[in-house]
Amino acid sequence: MLTFLLWLLLFVLCWPLALLALIVYPIVWLLLLPFRLLGIVVGGVFELLRSIIALPARLFAGRPSV
């Protein structure tokens, strides 16, 4: 909501710049999308490695008796 209000303020103060931002924002978002996906993949790989390293400790920890 705050972003929308800031855009409206920019539209009132300088409407050509606001319209340019409205056109350029989706293009920039599409260009940055592969980097976001790469970040998700790298985070998943690190989580997998952490789970693999912690697996022996979890196996040898045993179960608490009831």
N, C-alpha and C. Protein backbone atom coordinates (compact mmCIF):
# COMPACT_ATOMS: atom_id res chain seq x y z
N MET A 1 0.84 -1.19 0.00
CA MET A 1 0.00 0.00 0.00
C MET A 1 0.88 1.25 0.00
N LEU A 2 1.96 1.20 0.77
CA LEU A 2 2.85 2.35 0.84
C LEU A 2 3.50 2.62 -0.52
N THR A 3 3.84 1.56 -1.23
CA THR A 3 4.44 1.71 -2.55
C THR A 3 3.45 2.39 -3.51
N PHE A 4 2.21 1.99 -3.42
CA PHE A 4 1.19 2.61 -4.27
C PHE A 4 1.02 4.09 -3.95
N LEU A 5 1.02 4.43 -2.67
CA LEU A 5 0.88 5.83 -2.29
C LEU A 5 2.09 6.65 -2.74
N LEU A 6 3.28 6.07 -2.65
CA LEU A 6 4.47 6.77 -3.14
C LEU A 6 4.41 6.96 -4.65
N TRP A 7 3.89 5.95 -5.35
CA TRP A 7 3.75 6.09 -6.80
C TRP A 7 2.74 7.19 -7.14
N LEU A 8 1.64 7.26 -6.39
CA LEU A 8 0.67 8.33 -6.63
C LEU A 8 1.28 9.71 -6.38
N LEU A 9 2.10 9.82 -5.35
CA LEU A 9 2.77 11.08 -5.07
C LEU A 9 3.72 11.44 -6.21
N LEU A 10 4.46 10.46 -6.70
CA LEU A 10 5.34 10.69 -7.84
C LEU A 10 4.52 11.07 -9.07
N PHE A 11 3.36 10.45 -9.26
CA PHE A 11 2.50 10.77 -10.39
C PHE A 11 2.02 12.21 -10.34
N VAL A 12 1.72 12.70 -9.15
CA VAL A 12 1.26 14.08 -9.01
C VAL A 12 2.42 15.05 -9.24
N LEU A 13 3.61 14.71 -8.73
CA LEU A 13 4.74 15.63 -8.84
C LEU A 13 5.39 15.60 -10.22
N CYS A 14 5.54 14.41 -10.79
CA CYS A 14 6.22 14.29 -12.07
C CYS A 14 5.62 13.12 -12.83
N TRP A 15 4.55 13.36 -13.56
CA TRP A 15 3.82 12.26 -14.18
C TRP A 15 4.60 11.53 -15.27
N PRO A 16 5.50 12.17 -16.05
CA PRO A 16 6.24 11.37 -17.04
C PRO A 16 7.16 10.34 -16.39
N LEU A 17 7.80 10.73 -15.30
CA LEU A 17 8.67 9.80 -14.58
C LEU A 17 7.87 8.65 -13.97
N ALA A 18 6.68 8.96 -13.47
CA ALA A 18 5.83 7.91 -12.90
C ALA A 18 5.37 6.93 -13.96
N LEU A 19 5.03 7.40 -15.13
CA LEU A 19 4.62 6.51 -16.22
C LEU A 19 5.79 5.68 -16.71
N LEU A 20 6.98 6.27 -16.75
CA LEU A 20 8.17 5.52 -17.13
C LEU A 20 8.45 4.42 -16.12
N ALA A 21 8.31 4.73 -14.84
CA ALA A 21 8.51 3.72 -13.81
C ALA A 21 7.48 2.60 -13.93
N LEU A 22 6.27 2.96 -14.29
CA LEU A 22 5.21 1.96 -14.46
C LEU A 22 5.51 1.02 -15.61
N ILE A 23 6.17 1.50 -16.64
CA ILE A 23 6.51 0.67 -17.79
C ILE A 23 7.78 -0.14 -17.53
N VAL A 24 8.77 0.46 -16.87
CA VAL A 24 10.08 -0.18 -16.68
C VAL A 24 10.04 -1.25 -15.58
N TYR A 25 9.21 -1.07 -14.56
CA TYR A 25 9.19 -2.00 -13.41
C TYR A 25 8.95 -3.46 -13.81
N PRO A 26 7.97 -3.77 -14.66
CA PRO A 26 7.79 -5.19 -15.05
C PRO A 26 8.97 -5.75 -15.82
N ILE A 27 9.63 -4.92 -16.62
CA ILE A 27 10.79 -5.39 -17.37
C ILE A 27 11.94 -5.72 -16.42
N VAL A 28 12.18 -4.86 -15.45
CA VAL A 28 13.23 -5.11 -14.46
C VAL A 28 12.89 -6.35 -13.64
N TRP A 29 11.62 -6.51 -13.28
CA TRP A 29 11.21 -7.69 -12.51
C TRP A 29 11.48 -8.97 -13.29
N LEU A 30 11.19 -8.96 -14.58
CA LEU A 30 11.46 -10.14 -15.42
C LEU A 30 12.95 -10.40 -15.56
N LEU A 31 13.75 -9.36 -15.65
CA LEU A 31 15.20 -9.55 -15.75
C LEU A 31 15.80 -10.10 -14.46
N LEU A 32 15.24 -9.75 -13.32
CA LEU A 32 15.78 -10.21 -12.04
C LEU A 32 15.22 -11.56 -11.60
N LEU A 33 14.20 -12.06 -12.27
CA LEU A 33 13.57 -13.33 -11.90
C LEU A 33 14.54 -14.51 -11.90
N PRO A 34 15.42 -14.67 -12.89
CA PRO A 34 16.35 -15.81 -12.83
C PRO A 34 17.26 -15.77 -11.60
N PHE A 35 17.64 -14.57 -11.15
CA PHE A 35 18.50 -14.47 -9.97
C PHE A 35 17.74 -14.87 -8.71
N ARG A 36 16.46 -14.57 -8.64
CA ARG A 36 15.65 -15.02 -7.50
C ARG A 36 15.54 -16.54 -7.49
N LEU A 37 15.30 -17.12 -8.66
CA LEU A 37 15.21 -18.58 -8.75
C LEU A 37 16.55 -19.23 -8.39
N LEU A 38 17.65 -18.64 -8.82
CA LEU A 38 18.97 -19.14 -8.46
C LEU A 38 19.19 -19.07 -6.95
N GLY A 39 18.73 -18.02 -6.33
CA GLY A 39 18.84 -17.91 -4.87
C GLY A 39 18.04 -18.97 -4.15
N ILE A 40 16.86 -19.29 -4.65
CA ILE A 40 16.04 -20.35 -4.05
C ILE A 40 16.74 -21.69 -4.19
N VAL A 41 17.32 -21.95 -5.36
CA VAL A 41 18.01 -23.23 -5.60
C VAL A 41 19.24 -23.35 -4.71
N VAL A 42 20.02 -22.30 -4.59
CA VAL A 42 21.22 -22.34 -3.75
C VAL A 42 20.83 -22.55 -2.29
N GLY A 43 19.78 -21.91 -1.84
CA GLY A 43 19.30 -22.12 -0.47
C GLY A 43 18.87 -23.56 -0.25
N GLY A 44 18.20 -24.15 -1.23
CA GLY A 44 17.79 -25.54 -1.12
C GLY A 44 18.97 -26.49 -1.08
N VAL A 45 20.00 -26.22 -1.87
CA VAL A 45 21.20 -27.07 -1.87
C VAL A 45 21.89 -26.99 -0.52
N PHE A 46 22.02 -25.80 0.04
CA PHE A 46 22.64 -25.66 1.36
C PHE A 46 21.84 -26.39 2.44
N GLU A 47 20.52 -26.32 2.35
CA GLU A 47 19.67 -27.03 3.30
C GLU A 47 19.84 -28.53 3.17
N LEU A 48 19.95 -29.03 1.95
CA LEU A 48 20.18 -30.45 1.71
C LEU A 48 21.53 -30.89 2.29
N LEU A 49 22.57 -30.10 2.06
CA LEU A 49 23.89 -30.43 2.60
C LEU A 49 23.87 -30.42 4.13
N ARG A 50 23.18 -29.47 4.72
CA ARG A 50 23.09 -29.42 6.18
C ARG A 50 22.37 -30.64 6.72
N SER A 51 21.33 -31.09 6.03
CA SER A 51 20.60 -32.28 6.46
C SER A 51 21.45 -33.53 6.32
N ILE A 52 22.23 -33.62 5.24
CA ILE A 52 23.08 -34.79 5.04
C ILE A 52 24.17 -34.85 6.11
N ILE A 53 24.75 -33.70 6.45
CA ILE A 53 25.80 -33.67 7.48
C ILE A 53 25.23 -33.99 8.85
N ALA A 54 24.01 -33.57 9.14
CA ALA A 54 23.41 -33.79 10.45
C ALA A 54 22.78 -35.18 10.58
N LEU A 55 22.67 -35.93 9.49
CA LEU A 55 22.00 -37.22 9.54
C LEU A 55 22.68 -38.22 10.48
N PRO A 56 24.01 -38.38 10.45
CA PRO A 56 24.62 -39.35 11.38
C PRO A 56 24.36 -39.01 12.84
N ALA A 57 24.39 -37.74 13.19
CA ALA A 57 24.13 -37.34 14.57
C ALA A 57 22.69 -37.68 14.96
N ARG A 58 21.78 -37.52 14.04
CA ARG A 58 20.38 -37.85 14.35
C ARG A 58 20.18 -39.36 14.48
N LEU A 59 20.93 -40.12 13.67
CA LEU A 59 20.80 -41.57 13.74
C LEU A 59 21.37 -42.14 15.04
N PHE A 60 22.52 -41.62 15.47
CA PHE A 60 23.18 -42.14 16.67
C PHE A 60 22.64 -41.54 17.96
N ALA A 61 21.81 -40.54 17.86
CA ALA A 61 21.25 -39.92 19.07
C ALA A 61 20.31 -40.88 19.80
N GLY A 62 19.66 -41.74 19.07
CA GLY A 62 18.74 -42.70 19.69
C GLY A 62 17.43 -42.05 20.07
N ARG A 63 16.54 -42.88 20.52
CA ARG A 63 15.23 -42.37 20.92
C ARG A 63 15.14 -42.37 22.46
N PRO A 64 14.54 -41.36 22.99
CA PRO A 64 14.38 -41.34 24.46
C PRO A 64 13.41 -42.45 24.92
N SER A 65 13.72 -43.04 26.03
CA SER A 65 12.84 -44.10 26.54
C SER A 65 11.59 -43.48 27.15
N VAL A 66 10.49 -44.22 27.05
CA VAL A 66 9.19 -43.69 27.49
C VAL A 66 8.98 -43.93 28.96
